[in-house]
Amino acid sequence: MSSRAGIEKLWAQEKYRVMFHSQRYYNLIREMLKKDSSLEEIERLIDEAIHVQPTKGSVINTYQHMWGYFKKYATKEEKIAFQEKLEQFQNDELDKQELVMFIRLLAEKYQVNYLLNSTLLH
């Protein structure tokens, strides 16, 4: 596997975990990927990103992005559950891990391998 392929594989696995922790790092890494960045540089930025405390906004943004994989296939009940969980989280009635678990269940149900390979869901 070439260095570039290794970087792309790593980013595919870490993308949502980075987004979950920091939109700023997510955008920075995306810009770095457009350049000739090394695997070590990307790994360092990912490591820095995951040490940032997630904000309510970064969690919601990630949850909504991941939901995009299901919105066309989800049942009416799942769509309602998505909205309810989002509102509960916004009102501090639900933990962020509950959102992640809901997405994981949907990823398993609909066999969305891209999400199942995401480190955020492990």
PDB file of N, CA and C in Angstrom:
ATOM      1  N   MET A   1       0.848  -1.177   0.000  1.00  0.00           N
ATOM      2  CA  MET A   1       0.000   0.000   0.000  1.00  0.00           C
ATOM      3  C   MET A   1       0.892   1.238   0.000  1.00  0.00           C
ATOM      4  N   SER A   2       0.600   2.167  -0.903  1.00  0.00           N
ATOM      5  CA  SER A   2       1.387   3.390  -0.973  1.00  0.00           C
ATOM      6  C   SER A   2       1.102   4.251   0.249  1.00  0.00           C
ATOM      7  N   SER A   3       1.961   5.205   0.473  1.00  0.00           N
ATOM      8  CA  SER A   3       1.797   6.118   1.596  1.00  0.00           C
ATOM      9  C   SER A   3       0.463   6.869   1.463  1.00  0.00           C
ATOM     10  N   ARG A   4       0.148   7.277   0.244  1.00  0.00           N
ATOM     11  CA  ARG A   4      -1.099   8.015   0.004  1.00  0.00           C
ATOM     12  C   ARG A   4      -2.306   7.126   0.317  1.00  0.00           C
ATOM     13  N   ALA A   5      -2.239   5.883  -0.096  1.00  0.00           N
ATOM     14  CA  ALA A   5      -3.338   4.950   0.177  1.00  0.00           C
ATOM     15  C   ALA A   5      -3.482   4.735   1.683  1.00  0.00           C
ATOM     16  N   GLY A   6      -2.362   4.681   2.383  1.00  0.00           N
ATOM     17  CA  GLY A   6      -2.386   4.524   3.834  1.00  0.00           C
ATOM     18  C   GLY A   6      -3.016   5.721   4.521  1.00  0.00           C
ATOM     19  N   ILE A   7      -2.684   6.895   4.032  1.00  0.00           N
ATOM     20  CA  ILE A   7      -3.262   8.129   4.576  1.00  0.00           C
ATOM     21  C   ILE A   7      -4.774   8.147   4.341  1.00  0.00           C
ATOM     22  N   GLU A   8      -5.195   7.799   3.144  1.00  0.00           N
ATOM     23  CA  GLU A   8      -6.625   7.813   2.815  1.00  0.00           C
ATOM     24  C   GLU A   8      -7.402   6.783   3.627  1.00  0.00           C
ATOM     25  N   LYS A   9      -6.792   5.622   3.854  1.00  0.00           N
ATOM     26  CA  LYS A   9      -7.442   4.598   4.679  1.00  0.00           C
ATOM     27  C   LYS A   9      -7.582   5.087   6.118  1.00  0.00           C
ATOM     28  N   LEU A  10      -6.506   5.664   6.641  1.00  0.00           N
ATOM     29  CA  LEU A  10      -6.539   6.199   8.000  1.00  0.00           C
ATOM     30  C   LEU A  10      -7.618   7.277   8.126  1.00  0.00           C
ATOM     31  N   TRP A  11      -7.679   8.181   7.164  1.00  0.00           N
ATOM     32  CA  TRP A  11      -8.653   9.272   7.219  1.00  0.00           C
ATOM     33  C   TRP A  11     -10.087   8.728   7.147  1.00  0.00           C
ATOM     34  N   ALA A  12     -10.311   7.737   6.327  1.00  0.00           N
ATOM     35  CA  ALA A  12     -11.644   7.130   6.241  1.00  0.00           C
ATOM     36  C   ALA A  12     -12.063   6.563   7.601  1.00  0.00           C
ATOM     37  N   GLN A  13     -11.120   6.004   8.323  1.00  0.00           N
ATOM     38  CA  GLN A  13     -11.420   5.418   9.641  1.00  0.00           C
ATOM     39  C   GLN A  13     -11.590   6.483  10.715  1.00  0.00           C
ATOM     40  N   GLU A  14     -10.839   7.558  10.635  1.00  0.00           N
ATOM     41  CA  GLU A  14     -10.776   8.550  11.709  1.00  0.00           C
ATOM     42  C   GLU A  14     -11.620   9.810  11.473  1.00  0.00           C
ATOM     43  N   LYS A  15     -12.094   9.986  10.265  1.00  0.00           N
ATOM     44  CA  LYS A  15     -12.781  11.220   9.872  1.00  0.00           C
ATOM     45  C   LYS A  15     -13.890  11.639  10.842  1.00  0.00           C
ATOM     46  N   TYR A  16     -14.783  10.718  11.167  1.00  0.00           N
ATOM     47  CA  TYR A  16     -15.912  11.091  12.020  1.00  0.00           C
ATOM     48  C   TYR A  16     -15.504  11.266  13.474  1.00  0.00           C
ATOM     49  N   ARG A  17     -14.485  10.563  13.909  1.00  0.00           N
ATOM     50  CA  ARG A  17     -14.001  10.765  15.278  1.00  0.00           C
ATOM     51  C   ARG A  17     -13.387  12.151  15.406  1.00  0.00           C
ATOM     52  N   VAL A  18     -12.636  12.567  14.389  1.00  0.00           N
ATOM     53  CA  VAL A  18     -12.063  13.917  14.390  1.00  0.00           C
ATOM     54  C   VAL A  18     -13.186  14.950  14.367  1.00  0.00           C
ATOM     55  N   MET A  19     -14.158  14.782  13.489  1.00  0.00           N
ATOM     56  CA  MET A  19     -15.282  15.720  13.389  1.00  0.00           C
ATOM     57  C   MET A  19     -16.025  15.821  14.723  1.00  0.00           C
ATOM     58  N   PHE A  20     -16.205  14.679  15.379  1.00  0.00           N
ATOM     59  CA  PHE A  20     -16.895  14.599  16.668  1.00  0.00           C
ATOM     60  C   PHE A  20     -16.200  15.476  17.713  1.00  0.00           C
ATOM     61  N   HIS A  21     -14.866  15.489  17.679  1.00  0.00           N
ATOM     62  CA  HIS A  21     -14.096  16.241  18.665  1.00  0.00           C
ATOM     63  C   HIS A  21     -13.848  17.686  18.268  1.00  0.00           C
ATOM     64  N   SER A  22     -13.614  17.933  16.976  1.00  0.00           N
ATOM     65  CA  SER A  22     -13.211  19.286  16.583  1.00  0.00           C
ATOM     66  C   SER A  22     -13.426  19.547  15.097  1.00  0.00           C
ATOM     67  N   GLN A  23     -14.343  20.448  14.807  1.00  0.00           N
ATOM     68  CA  GLN A  23     -14.564  20.850  13.418  1.00  0.00           C
ATOM     69  C   GLN A  23     -13.326  21.567  12.871  1.00  0.00           C
ATOM     70  N   ARG A  24     -12.636  22.291  13.731  1.00  0.00           N
ATOM     71  CA  ARG A  24     -11.434  23.016  13.302  1.00  0.00           C
ATOM     72  C   ARG A  24     -10.361  22.043  12.824  1.00  0.00           C
ATOM     73  N   TYR A  25     -10.114  20.992  13.590  1.00  0.00           N
ATOM     74  CA  TYR A  25      -9.125  19.992  13.179  1.00  0.00           C
ATOM     75  C   TYR A  25      -9.600  19.234  11.945  1.00  0.00           C
ATOM     76  N   TYR A  26     -10.885  18.944  11.881  1.00  0.00           N
ATOM     77  CA  TYR A  26     -11.437  18.260  10.705  1.00  0.00           C
ATOM     78  C   TYR A  26     -11.118  19.063   9.443  1.00  0.00           C
ATOM     79  N   ASN A  27     -11.387  20.367   9.481  1.00  0.00           N
ATOM     80  CA  ASN A  27     -11.117  21.222   8.321  1.00  0.00           C
ATOM     81  C   ASN A  27      -9.623  21.331   8.039  1.00  0.00           C
ATOM     82  N   LEU A  28      -8.821  21.430   9.090  1.00  0.00           N
ATOM     83  CA  LEU A  28      -7.368  21.519   8.932  1.00  0.00           C
ATOM     84  C   LEU A  28      -6.814  20.262   8.256  1.00  0.00           C
ATOM     85  N   ILE A  29      -7.260  19.103   8.719  1.00  0.00           N
ATOM     86  CA  ILE A  29      -6.773  17.849   8.133  1.00  0.00           C
ATOM     87  C   ILE A  29      -7.221  17.724   6.684  1.00  0.00           C
ATOM     88  N   ARG A  30      -8.450  18.110   6.399  1.00  0.00           N
ATOM     89  CA  ARG A  30      -8.919  18.069   5.001  1.00  0.00           C
ATOM     90  C   ARG A  30      -8.031  18.931   4.103  1.00  0.00           C
ATOM     91  N   GLU A  31      -7.629  20.090   4.594  1.00  0.00           N
ATOM     92  CA  GLU A  31      -6.724  20.957   3.821  1.00  0.00           C
ATOM     93  C   GLU A  31      -5.352  20.303   3.668  1.00  0.00           C
ATOM     94  N   MET A  32      -4.864  19.685   4.728  1.00  0.00           N
ATOM     95  CA  MET A  32      -3.559  19.008   4.681  1.00  0.00           C
ATOM     96  C   MET A  32      -3.582  17.858   3.671  1.00  0.00           C
ATOM     97  N   LEU A  33      -4.720  17.196   3.546  1.00  0.00           N
ATOM     98  CA  LEU A  33      -4.828  16.067   2.618  1.00  0.00           C
ATOM     99  C   LEU A  33      -4.752  16.513   1.159  1.00  0.00           C
ATOM    100  N   LYS A  34      -5.036  17.783   0.907  1.00  0.00           N
ATOM    101  CA  LYS A  34      -4.944  18.311  -0.463  1.00  0.00           C
ATOM    102  C   LYS A  34      -3.490  18.557  -0.857  1.00  0.00           C
ATOM    103  N   LYS A  35      -2.619  18.620   0.158  1.00  0.00           N
ATOM    104  CA  LYS A  35      -1.193  18.832  -0.072  1.00  0.00           C
ATOM    105  C   LYS A  35      -0.482  17.486  -0.007  1.00  0.00           C
ATOM    106  N   ASP A  36       0.803  17.541  -0.084  1.00  0.00           N
ATOM    107  CA  ASP A  36       1.614  16.318  -0.020  1.00  0.00           C
ATOM    108  C   ASP A  36       2.030  16.078   1.427  1.00  0.00           C
ATOM    109  N   SER A  37       1.064  15.806   2.287  1.00  0.00           N
ATOM    110  CA  SER A  37       1.326  15.604   3.712  1.00  0.00           C
ATOM    111  C   SER A  37       1.772  14.172   3.976  1.00  0.00           C
ATOM    112  N   SER A  38       2.558  14.021   5.022  1.00  0.00           N
ATOM    113  CA  SER A  38       3.017  12.681   5.389  1.00  0.00           C
ATOM    114  C   SER A  38       2.001  12.010   6.308  1.00  0.00           C
ATOM    115  N   LEU A  39       2.094  10.694   6.369  1.00  0.00           N
ATOM    116  CA  LEU A  39       1.246   9.924   7.270  1.00  0.00           C
ATOM    117  C   LEU A  39       1.462  10.389   8.704  1.00  0.00           C
ATOM    118  N   GLU A  40       2.712  10.664   9.060  1.00  0.00           N
ATOM    119  CA  GLU A  40       3.044  11.094  10.415  1.00  0.00           C
ATOM    120  C   GLU A  40       2.373  12.419  10.760  1.00  0.00           C
ATOM    121  N   GLU A  41       2.345  13.357   9.799  1.00  0.00           N
ATOM    122  CA  GLU A  41       1.686  14.653  10.037  1.00  0.00           C
ATOM    123  C   GLU A  41       0.189  14.459  10.292  1.00  0.00           C
ATOM    124  N   ILE A  42      -0.427  13.631   9.492  1.00  0.00           N
ATOM    125  CA  ILE A  42      -1.863  13.389   9.630  1.00  0.00           C
ATOM    126  C   ILE A  42      -2.151  12.670  10.950  1.00  0.00           C
ATOM    127  N   GLU A  43      -1.335  11.695  11.282  1.00  0.00           N
ATOM    128  CA  GLU A  43      -1.514  10.982  12.561  1.00  0.00           C
ATOM    129  C   GLU A  43      -1.391  11.942  13.746  1.00  0.00           C
ATOM    130  N   ARG A  44      -0.429  12.851  13.685  1.00  0.00           N
ATOM    131  CA  ARG A  44      -0.225  13.821  14.769  1.00  0.00           C
ATOM    132  C   ARG A  44      -1.455  14.725  14.920  1.00  0.00           C
ATOM    133  N   LEU A  45      -1.985  15.202  13.799  1.00  0.00           N
ATOM    134  CA  LEU A  45      -3.164  16.067  13.855  1.00  0.00           C
ATOM    135  C   LEU A  45      -4.393  15.317  14.372  1.00  0.00           C
ATOM    136  N   ILE A  46      -4.540  14.066  13.964  1.00  0.00           N
ATOM    137  CA  ILE A  46      -5.660  13.258  14.459  1.00  0.00           C
ATOM    138  C   ILE A  46      -5.527  13.083  15.968  1.00  0.00           C
ATOM    139  N   ASP A  47      -4.319  12.799  16.419  1.00  0.00           N
ATOM    140  CA  ASP A  47      -4.082  12.621  17.853  1.00  0.00           C
ATOM    141  C   ASP A  47      -4.411  13.906  18.620  1.00  0.00           C
ATOM    142  N   GLU A  48      -4.004  15.040  18.090  1.00  0.00           N
ATOM    143  CA  GLU A  48      -4.324  16.321  18.731  1.00  0.00           C
ATOM    144  C   GLU A  48      -5.842  16.533  18.758  1.00  0.00           C
ATOM    145  N   ALA A  49      -6.489  16.221  17.657  1.00  0.00           N
ATOM    146  CA  ALA A  49      -7.937  16.440  17.550  1.00  0.00           C
ATOM    147  C   ALA A  49      -8.718  15.641  18.582  1.00  0.00           C
ATOM    148  N   ILE A  50      -8.341  14.393  18.765  1.00  0.00           N
ATOM    149  CA  ILE A  50      -9.139  13.552  19.663  1.00  0.00           C
ATOM    150  C   ILE A  50      -8.905  13.883  21.138  1.00  0.00           C
ATOM    151  N   HIS A  51      -7.970  14.777  21.403  1.00  0.00           N
ATOM    152  CA  HIS A  51      -7.774  15.256  22.768  1.00  0.00           C
ATOM    153  C   HIS A  51      -8.565  16.537  23.043  1.00  0.00           C
ATOM    154  N   VAL A  52      -9.243  17.037  22.025  1.00  0.00           N
ATOM    155  CA  VAL A  52     -10.110  18.204  22.199  1.00  0.00           C
ATOM    156  C   VAL A  52     -11.447  17.718  22.753  1.00  0.00           C
ATOM    157  N   GLN A  53     -11.953  18.410  23.754  1.00  0.00           N
ATOM    158  CA  GLN A  53     -13.245  18.057  24.333  1.00  0.00           C
ATOM    159  C   GLN A  53     -14.349  18.364  23.310  1.00  0.00           C
ATOM    160  N   PRO A  54     -15.175  17.361  22.956  1.00  0.00           N
ATOM    161  CA  PRO A  54     -16.245  17.626  21.991  1.00  0.00           C
ATOM    162  C   PRO A  54     -17.214  18.681  22.524  1.00  0.00           C
ATOM    163  N   THR A  55     -17.702  19.516  21.631  1.00  0.00           N
ATOM    164  CA  THR A  55     -18.732  20.485  21.995  1.00  0.00           C
ATOM    165  C   THR A  55     -20.083  19.910  21.576  1.00  0.00           C
ATOM    166  N   LYS A  56     -21.124  20.485  22.086  1.00  0.00           N
ATOM    167  CA  LYS A  56     -22.457  20.056  21.689  1.00  0.00           C
ATOM    168  C   LYS A  56     -22.613  20.200  20.166  1.00  0.00           C
ATOM    169  N   GLY A  57     -22.099  21.307  19.635  1.00  0.00           N
ATOM    170  CA  GLY A  57     -22.192  21.549  18.197  1.00  0.00           C
ATOM    171  C   GLY A  57     -21.435  20.527  17.364  1.00  0.00           C
ATOM    172  N   SER A  58     -20.227  20.149  17.810  1.00  0.00           N
ATOM    173  CA  SER A  58     -19.439  19.178  17.032  1.00  0.00           C
ATOM    174  C   SER A  58     -20.087  17.798  17.076  1.00  0.00           C
ATOM    175  N   VAL A  59     -20.674  17.450  18.220  1.00  0.00           N
ATOM    176  CA  VAL A  59     -21.360  16.156  18.344  1.00  0.00           C
ATOM    177  C   VAL A  59     -22.587  16.127  17.432  1.00  0.00           C
ATOM    178  N   ILE A  60     -23.386  17.177  17.468  1.00  0.00           N
ATOM    179  CA  ILE A  60     -24.600  17.236  16.647  1.00  0.00           C
ATOM    180  C   ILE A  60     -24.245  17.202  15.164  1.00  0.00           C
ATOM    181  N   ASN A  61     -23.236  17.974  14.776  1.00  0.00           N
ATOM    182  CA  ASN A  61     -22.808  18.005  13.376  1.00  0.00           C
ATOM    183  C   ASN A  61     -22.410  16.611  12.889  1.00  0.00           C
ATOM    184  N   THR A  62     -21.635  15.903  13.692  1.00  0.00           N
ATOM    185  CA  THR A  62     -21.189  14.556  13.326  1.00  0.00           C
ATOM    186  C   THR A  62     -22.371  13.600  13.246  1.00  0.00           C
ATOM    187  N   TYR A  63     -23.253  13.675  14.225  1.00  0.00           N
ATOM    188  CA  TYR A  63     -24.449  12.826  14.268  1.00  0.00           C
ATOM    189  C   TYR A  63     -25.289  13.032  13.006  1.00  0.00           C
ATOM    190  N   GLN A  64     -25.474  14.287  12.616  1.00  0.00           N
ATOM    191  CA  GLN A  64     -26.262  14.582  11.414  1.00  0.00           C
ATOM    192  C   GLN A  64     -25.562  14.109  10.143  1.00  0.00           C
ATOM    193  N   HIS A  65     -24.236  14.268  10.085  1.00  0.00           N
ATOM    194  CA  HIS A  65     -23.497  13.781   8.912  1.00  0.00           C
ATOM    195  C   HIS A  65     -23.645  12.264   8.770  1.00  0.00           C
ATOM    196  N   MET A  66     -23.506  11.557   9.882  1.00  0.00           N
ATOM    197  CA  MET A  66     -23.589  10.096   9.835  1.00  0.00           C
ATOM    198  C   MET A  66     -25.020   9.646   9.532  1.00  0.00           C
ATOM    199  N   TRP A  67     -25.988  10.379  10.014  1.00  0.00           N
ATOM    200  CA  TRP A  67     -27.395  10.079   9.733  1.00  0.00           C
ATOM    201  C   TRP A  67     -27.658  10.106   8.230  1.00  0.00           C
ATOM    202  N   GLY A  68     -26.915  10.947   7.513  1.00  0.00           N
ATOM    203  CA  GLY A  68     -27.096  11.065   6.069  1.00  0.00           C
ATOM    204  C   GLY A  68     -26.995   9.733   5.330  1.00  0.00           C
ATOM    205  N   TYR A  69     -26.286   8.778   5.914  1.00  0.00           N
ATOM    206  CA  TYR A  69     -26.165   7.459   5.286  1.00  0.00           C
ATOM    207  C   TYR A  69     -27.464   6.659   5.354  1.00  0.00           C
ATOM    208  N   PHE A  70     -28.379   7.057   6.241  1.00  0.00           N
ATOM    209  CA  PHE A  70     -29.596   6.265   6.455  1.00  0.00           C
ATOM    210  C   PHE A  70     -30.881   6.963   6.067  1.00  0.00           C
ATOM    211  N   LYS A  71     -30.850   8.268   5.901  1.00  0.00           N
ATOM    212  CA  LYS A  71     -32.101   9.001   5.792  1.00  0.00           C
ATOM    213  C   LYS A  71     -32.997   8.516   4.656  1.00  0.00           C
ATOM    214  N   LYS A  72     -32.422   7.983   3.598  1.00  0.00           N
ATOM    215  CA  LYS A  72     -33.250   7.484   2.485  1.00  0.00           C
ATOM    216  C   LYS A  72     -33.844   6.103   2.770  1.00  0.00           C
ATOM    217  N   TYR A  73     -33.210   5.357   3.694  1.00  0.00           N
ATOM    218  CA  TYR A  73     -33.631   3.977   3.952  1.00  0.00           C
ATOM    219  C   TYR A  73     -34.350   3.805   5.284  1.00  0.00           C
ATOM    220  N   ALA A  74     -34.153   4.748   6.173  1.00  0.00           N
ATOM    221  CA  ALA A  74     -34.685   4.607   7.531  1.00  0.00           C
ATOM    222  C   ALA A  74     -36.207   4.531   7.525  1.00  0.00           C
ATOM    223  N   THR A  75     -36.710   3.761   8.476  1.00  0.00           N
ATOM    224  CA  THR A  75     -38.160   3.664   8.647  1.00  0.00           C
ATOM    225  C   THR A  75     -38.664   4.964   9.273  1.00  0.00           C
ATOM    226  N   LYS A  76     -39.963   5.134   9.236  1.00  0.00           N
ATOM    227  CA  LYS A  76     -40.568   6.306   9.864  1.00  0.00           C
ATOM    228  C   LYS A  76     -40.196   6.350  11.348  1.00  0.00           C
ATOM    229  N   GLU A  77     -40.213   5.185  11.994  1.00  0.00           N
ATOM    230  CA  GLU A  77     -39.881   5.102  13.418  1.00  0.00           C
ATOM    231  C   GLU A  77     -38.430   5.517  13.674  1.00  0.00           C
ATOM    232  N   GLU A  78     -37.533   5.093  12.791  1.00  0.00           N
ATOM    233  CA  GLU A  78     -36.123   5.461  12.940  1.00  0.00           C
ATOM    234  C   GLU A  78     -35.922   6.964  12.740  1.00  0.00           C
ATOM    235  N   LYS A  79     -36.649   7.541  11.800  1.00  0.00           N
ATOM    236  CA  LYS A  79     -36.558   8.990  11.573  1.00  0.00           C
ATOM    237  C   LYS A  79     -37.045   9.755  12.797  1.00  0.00           C
ATOM    238  N   ILE A  80     -38.125   9.274  13.395  1.00  0.00           N
ATOM    239  CA  ILE A  80     -38.651   9.903  14.615  1.00  0.00           C
ATOM    240  C   ILE A  80     -37.643   9.742  15.747  1.00  0.00           C
ATOM    241  N   ALA A  81     -37.080   8.543  15.886  1.00  0.00           N
ATOM    242  CA  ALA A  81     -36.092   8.287  16.940  1.00  0.00           C
ATOM    243  C   ALA A  81     -34.869   9.191  16.767  1.00  0.00           C
ATOM    244  N   PHE A  82     -34.438   9.378  15.531  1.00  0.00           N
ATOM    245  CA  PHE A  82     -33.304  10.264  15.244  1.00  0.00           C
ATOM    246  C   PHE A  82     -33.594  11.665  15.770  1.00  0.00           C
ATOM    247  N   GLN A  83     -34.758  12.206  15.409  1.00  0.00           N
ATOM    248  CA  GLN A  83     -35.118  13.566  15.843  1.00  0.00           C
ATOM    249  C   GLN A  83     -35.263  13.657  17.354  1.00  0.00           C
ATOM    250  N   GLU A  84     -35.886  12.652  17.951  1.00  0.00           N
ATOM    251  CA  GLU A  84     -36.071  12.657  19.401  1.00  0.00           C
ATOM    252  C   GLU A  84     -34.728  12.628  20.127  1.00  0.00           C
ATOM    253  N   LYS A  85     -33.826  11.772  19.668  1.00  0.00           N
ATOM    254  CA  LYS A  85     -32.516  11.681  20.304  1.00  0.00           C
ATOM    255  C   LYS A  85     -31.743  12.991  20.146  1.00  0.00           C
ATOM    256  N   LEU A  86     -31.867  13.599  18.992  1.00  0.00           N
ATOM    257  CA  LEU A  86     -31.199  14.874  18.752  1.00  0.00           C
ATOM    258  C   LEU A  86     -31.731  15.940  19.715  1.00  0.00           C
ATOM    259  N   GLU A  87     -33.037  16.020  19.849  1.00  0.00           N
ATOM    260  CA  GLU A  87     -33.637  17.002  20.767  1.00  0.00           C
ATOM    261  C   GLU A  87     -33.261  16.708  22.213  1.00  0.00           C
ATOM    262  N   GLN A  88     -33.272  15.438  22.596  1.00  0.00           N
ATOM    263  CA  GLN A  88     -32.907  15.074  23.970  1.00  0.00           C
ATOM    264  C   GLN A  88     -31.461  15.465  24.257  1.00  0.00           C
ATOM    265  N   PHE A  89     -30.585  15.230  23.290  1.00  0.00           N
ATOM    266  CA  PHE A  89     -29.182  15.602  23.475  1.00  0.00           C
ATOM    267  C   PHE A  89     -29.050  17.120  23.598  1.00  0.00           C
ATOM    268  N   GLN A  90     -29.739  17.852  22.728  1.00  0.00           N
ATOM    269  CA  GLN A  90     -29.676  19.314  22.770  1.00  0.00           C
ATOM    270  C   GLN A  90     -30.177  19.855  24.111  1.00  0.00           C
ATOM    271  N   ASN A  91     -31.108  19.146  24.733  1.00  0.00           N
ATOM    272  CA  ASN A  91     -31.680  19.569  26.018  1.00  0.00           C
ATOM    273  C   ASN A  91     -30.979  18.923  27.213  1.00  0.00           C
ATOM    274  N   ASP A  92     -29.804  18.346  26.963  1.00  0.00           N
ATOM    275  CA  ASP A  92     -29.016  17.688  28.021  1.00  0.00           C
ATOM    276  C   ASP A  92     -29.758  16.543  28.700  1.00  0.00           C
ATOM    277  N   GLU A  93     -30.618  15.874  27.963  1.00  0.00           N
ATOM    278  CA  GLU A  93     -31.371  14.741  28.497  1.00  0.00           C
ATOM    279  C   GLU A  93     -30.812  13.415  27.991  1.00  0.00           C
ATOM    280  N   LEU A  94     -29.785  13.470  27.162  1.00  0.00           N
ATOM    281  CA  LEU A  94     -29.217  12.271  26.560  1.00  0.00           C
ATOM    282  C   LEU A  94     -27.713  12.462  26.433  1.00  0.00           C
ATOM    283  N   ASP A  95     -26.955  11.421  26.725  1.00  0.00           N
ATOM    284  CA  ASP A  95     -25.507  11.448  26.623  1.00  0.00           C
ATOM    285  C   ASP A  95     -25.069  11.289  25.172  1.00  0.00           C
ATOM    286  N   LYS A  96     -23.928  11.883  24.822  1.00  0.00           N
ATOM    287  CA  LYS A  96     -23.430  11.792  23.443  1.00  0.00           C
ATOM    288  C   LYS A  96     -23.175  10.348  23.018  1.00  0.00           C
ATOM    289  N   GLN A  97     -22.823   9.489  23.971  1.00  0.00           N
ATOM    290  CA  GLN A  97     -22.579   8.085  23.613  1.00  0.00           C
ATOM    291  C   GLN A  97     -23.865   7.395  23.146  1.00  0.00           C
ATOM    292  N   GLU A  98     -24.999   7.868  23.621  1.00  0.00           N
ATOM    293  CA  GLU A  98     -26.287   7.303  23.184  1.00  0.00           C
ATOM    294  C   GLU A  98     -26.522   7.599  21.697  1.00  0.00           C
ATOM    295  N   LEU A  99     -26.091   8.780  21.261  1.00  0.00           N
ATOM    296  CA  LEU A  99     -26.213   9.121  19.836  1.00  0.00           C
ATOM    297  C   LEU A  99     -25.330   8.190  19.002  1.00  0.00           C
ATOM    298  N   VAL A 100     -24.117   7.983  19.483  1.00  0.00           N
ATOM    299  CA  VAL A 100     -23.170   7.115  18.776  1.00  0.00           C
ATOM    300  C   VAL A 100     -23.717   5.687  18.702  1.00  0.00           C
ATOM    301  N   MET A 101     -24.292   5.206  19.790  1.00  0.00           N
ATOM    302  CA  MET A 101     -24.850   3.842  19.811  1.00  0.00           C
ATOM    303  C   MET A 101     -26.008   3.705  18.816  1.00  0.00           C
ATOM    304  N   PHE A 102     -26.842   4.726  18.727  1.00  0.00           N
ATOM    305  CA  PHE A 102     -27.969   4.700  17.788  1.00  0.00           C
ATOM    306  C   PHE A 102     -27.447   4.604  16.350  1.00  0.00           C
ATOM    307  N   ILE A 103     -26.442   5.399  16.029  1.00  0.00           N
ATOM    308  CA  ILE A 103     -25.848   5.359  14.681  1.00  0.00           C
ATOM    309  C   ILE A 103     -25.217   3.991  14.431  1.00  0.00           C
ATOM    310  N   ARG A 104     -24.552   3.436  15.429  1.00  0.00           N
ATOM    311  CA  ARG A 104     -23.935   2.112  15.263  1.00  0.00           C
ATOM    312  C   ARG A 104     -24.990   1.050  14.963  1.00  0.00           C
ATOM    313  N   LEU A 105     -26.099   1.088  15.687  1.00  0.00           N
ATOM    314  CA  LEU A 105     -27.180   0.118  15.432  1.00  0.00           C
ATOM    315  C   LEU A 105     -27.700   0.233  14.001  1.00  0.00           C
ATOM    316  N   LEU A 106     -27.871   1.457  13.535  1.00  0.00           N
ATOM    317  CA  LEU A 106     -28.338   1.650  12.156  1.00  0.00           C
ATOM    318  C   LEU A 106     -27.278   1.191  11.150  1.00  0.00           C
ATOM    319  N   ALA A 107     -26.012   1.486  11.429  1.00  0.00           N
ATOM    320  CA  ALA A 107     -24.933   1.067  10.529  1.00  0.00           C
ATOM    321  C   ALA A 107     -24.899  -0.454  10.419  1.00  0.00           C
ATOM    322  N   GLU A 108     -25.129  -1.129  11.535  1.00  0.00           N
ATOM    323  CA  GLU A 108     -25.165  -2.594  11.508  1.00  0.00           C
ATOM    324  C   GLU A 108     -26.407  -3.086  10.762  1.00  0.00           C
ATOM    325  N   LYS A 109     -27.546  -2.498  11.042  1.00  0.00           N
ATOM    326  CA  LYS A 109     -28.793  -2.916  10.385  1.00  0.00           C
ATOM    327  C   LYS A 109     -28.698  -2.765   8.868  1.00  0.00           C
ATOM    328  N   TYR A 110     -28.198  -1.600   8.426  1.00  0.00           N
ATOM    329  CA  TYR A 110     -28.153  -1.308   6.994  1.00  0.00           C
ATOM    330  C   TYR A 110     -26.801  -1.664   6.359  1.00  0.00           C
ATOM    331  N   GLN A 111     -25.916  -2.264   7.143  1.00  0.00           N
ATOM    332  CA  GLN A 111     -24.604  -2.709   6.663  1.00  0.00           C
ATOM    333  C   GLN A 111     -23.840  -1.607   5.909  1.00  0.00           C
ATOM    334  N   VAL A 112     -23.697  -0.484   6.585  1.00  0.00           N
ATOM    335  CA  VAL A 112     -22.932   0.630   6.020  1.00  0.00           C
ATOM    336  C   VAL A 112     -21.485   0.458   6.485  1.00  0.00           C
ATOM    337  N   ASN A 113     -20.713  -0.257   5.670  1.00  0.00           N
ATOM    338  CA  ASN A 113     -19.349  -0.604   6.046  1.00  0.00           C
ATOM    339  C   ASN A 113     -18.463   0.607   6.293  1.00  0.00           C
ATOM    340  N   TYR A 114     -18.666   1.673   5.530  1.00  0.00           N
ATOM    341  CA  TYR A 114     -17.852   2.876   5.728  1.00  0.00           C
ATOM    342  C   TYR A 114     -17.981   3.363   7.171  1.00  0.00           C
ATOM    343  N   LEU A 115     -19.205   3.369   7.688  1.00  0.00           N
ATOM    344  CA  LEU A 115     -19.415   3.791   9.069  1.00  0.00           C
ATOM    345  C   LEU A 115     -18.953   2.726  10.067  1.00  0.00           C
ATOM    346  N   LEU A 116     -19.200   1.479   9.738  1.00  0.00           N
ATOM    347  CA  LEU A 116     -18.795   0.398  10.638  1.00  0.00           C
ATOM    348  C   LEU A 116     -17.277   0.362  10.828  1.00  0.00           C
ATOM    349  N   ASN A 117     -16.542   0.858   9.833  1.00  0.00           N
ATOM    350  CA  ASN A 117     -15.085   0.914   9.929  1.00  0.00           C
ATOM    351  C   ASN A 117     -14.587   2.177  10.637  1.00  0.00           C
ATOM    352  N   SER A 118     -15.514   3.072  10.980  1.00  0.00           N
ATOM    353  CA  SER A 118     -15.138   4.313  11.649  1.00  0.00           C
ATOM    354  C   SER A 118     -14.769   4.044  13.109  1.00  0.00           C
ATOM    355  N   THR A 119     -13.646   4.620  13.525  1.00  0.00           N
ATOM    356  CA  THR A 119     -13.216   4.440  14.915  1.00  0.00           C
ATOM    357  C   THR A 119     -14.200   5.058  15.894  1.00  0.00           C
ATOM    358  N   LEU A 120     -14.986   6.005  15.474  1.00  0.00           N
ATOM    359  CA  LEU A 120     -15.961   6.613  16.376  1.00  0.00           C
ATOM    360  C   LEU A 120     -16.988   5.598  16.871  1.00  0.00           C
ATOM    361  N   LEU A 121     -17.295   4.611  16.053  1.00  0.00           N
ATOM    362  CA  LEU A 121     -18.319   3.648  16.426  1.00  0.00           C
ATOM    363  C   LEU A 121     -17.771   2.454  17.225  1.00  0.00           C
ATOM    364  N   HIS A 122     -16.497   2.495  17.564  1.00  0.00           N
ATOM    365  CA  HIS A 122     -15.898   1.373  18.314  1.00  0.00           C
ATOM    366  C   HIS A 122     -15.628   1.741  19.745  1.00  0.00           C
TER     367      HIS A 122
END
